Amino acid sequence: IYLGGLIGQVNWAIISNCYAMGNLSNDYVVGGFVGSISNSTVSNCYSNGHITGASNWIHGFIGSGYGDFSNCYWDVETAADSCFDWVQSLQWVWHLHCKQF
């Protein structure tokens, strides 16, 4: 089960100029904006909501996945404290510019 503030799961999409607000809780994969994403481009988006869960896949913006992210934000006060902290170990993540506000 993939849970996201705006999108649960998405592949091959272009997403821009949008935001997600709301409280999320799941014990599998949770992202403040999208739960699972692949082969997609996300720009000028943000998430702001309280996120909880019992797995290692609970993150402020993207629960899991890869793609091209630019000018994306999440609220660290209400959401998890990482965009997705395992991204540094993935060679196939194209581009990531997520920021906390």
Protein backbone atom coordinates (compact mmCIF):
# COMPACT_ATOMS: atom_id res chain seq x y z
CA ILE A 1 0.00 0.00 0.00
CA TYR A 2 1.39 3.39 -1.03
CA LEU A 3 -0.01 6.48 0.64
CA GLY A 4 0.72 10.05 -0.42
CA GLY A 5 -0.79 13.42 0.37
CA LEU A 6 -1.64 13.99 -3.30
CA ILE A 7 -0.83 10.72 -5.08
CA GLY A 8 -0.52 7.15 -3.80
CA GLN A 9 1.49 5.69 -6.70
CA VAL A 10 2.51 7.15 -10.07
CA ASN A 11 4.67 6.16 -13.05
CA TRP A 12 5.76 8.17 -16.12
CA ALA A 13 4.13 11.46 -15.11
CA ILE A 14 4.86 15.16 -15.20
CA ILE A 15 3.60 16.88 -12.05
CA SER A 16 3.99 20.62 -11.46
CA ASN A 17 2.67 23.58 -9.51
CA CYS A 18 0.70 21.73 -6.87
CA TYR A 19 0.65 20.95 -3.18
CA ALA A 20 -0.67 18.44 -0.69
CA MET A 21 -2.03 19.11 2.79
CA GLY A 22 -3.43 16.57 5.19
CA ASN A 23 -2.56 14.06 7.87
CA LEU A 24 -1.28 10.64 6.77
CA SER A 25 -0.62 7.40 8.62
CA ASN A 26 0.39 4.02 7.22
CA ASP A 27 2.71 1.25 8.31
CA TYR A 28 4.17 0.60 4.86
CA VAL A 29 5.08 3.50 2.50
CA VAL A 30 4.07 7.11 3.19
CA GLY A 31 5.16 10.32 1.48
CA GLY A 32 3.82 13.76 2.26
CA PHE A 33 3.36 14.39 -1.46
CA VAL A 34 3.49 10.99 -3.16
CA GLY A 35 3.81 7.48 -1.75
CA SER A 36 5.68 5.81 -4.63
CA ILE A 37 6.99 7.38 -7.83
CA SER A 38 9.03 6.22 -10.83
CA ASN A 39 10.21 7.71 -14.12
CA SER A 40 8.48 10.99 -13.35
CA THR A 41 9.22 14.71 -13.16
CA VAL A 42 8.02 16.82 -10.23
CA SER A 43 8.56 20.58 -10.05
CA ASN A 44 7.32 23.51 -7.98
CA CYS A 45 5.41 21.37 -5.48
CA TYR A 46 5.19 21.15 -1.72
CA SER A 47 3.62 19.12 1.06
CA ASN A 48 2.45 20.17 4.48
CA GLY A 49 0.84 17.59 6.75
CA HIS A 50 1.46 15.41 9.76
CA ILE A 51 2.94 12.06 8.68
CA THR A 52 3.25 8.99 10.91
CA GLY A 53 3.99 5.31 10.44
CA ALA A 54 6.00 2.37 11.71
CA SER A 55 8.23 1.61 8.72
CA ASN A 56 11.47 2.97 7.31
CA TRP A 57 9.54 4.31 4.30
CA ILE A 58 7.95 7.33 6.00
CA HIS A 59 9.26 10.56 4.44
CA GLY A 60 8.30 14.21 4.17
CA PHE A 61 7.93 14.42 0.40
CA ILE A 62 8.37 11.06 -1.40
CA GLY A 63 7.84 7.71 0.33
CA SER A 64 9.91 5.75 -2.19
CA GLY A 65 10.96 5.95 -5.81
CA TYR A 66 13.02 7.90 -8.28
CA GLY A 67 12.65 10.69 -10.80
CA ASP A 68 13.54 14.30 -11.53
CA PHE A 69 12.60 16.67 -8.68
CA SER A 70 13.14 20.43 -8.67
CA ASN A 71 11.96 23.25 -6.44
CA CYS A 72 10.06 20.89 -4.14
CA TYR A 73 9.46 21.53 -0.44
CA TRP A 74 8.01 19.91 2.65
CA ASP A 75 7.28 21.23 6.12
CA VAL A 76 9.65 19.59 8.59
CA GLU A 77 7.55 20.89 11.49
CA THR A 78 4.61 18.67 10.56
CA ALA A 79 6.07 16.01 8.26
CA ALA A 80 8.86 13.49 8.47
CA ASP A 81 12.31 15.04 8.54
CA SER A 82 13.65 13.74 5.24
CA CYS A 83 12.64 13.98 1.60
CA PHE A 84 13.72 10.39 1.33
CA ASP A 85 16.89 9.77 3.25
CA TRP A 86 18.02 6.69 1.32
CA VAL A 87 18.23 8.65 -1.95
CA GLN A 88 21.97 9.24 -1.50
CA SER A 89 22.66 5.53 -2.04
CA LEU A 90 20.69 5.23 -5.26
CA GLN A 91 22.62 5.74 -8.48
CA TRP A 92 19.47 5.88 -10.61
CA VAL A 93 17.91 8.92 -8.96
CA TRP A 94 18.10 11.55 -11.68
CA HIS A 95 17.94 14.84 -9.88
CA LEU A 96 16.74 15.90 -6.45
CA HIS A 97 16.19 19.39 -5.07
CA CYS A 98 13.87 19.05 -2.12
CA LYS A 99 14.00 21.62 0.65
CA GLN A 100 12.55 21.94 4.10
CA PHE A 101 10.64 25.05 5.10
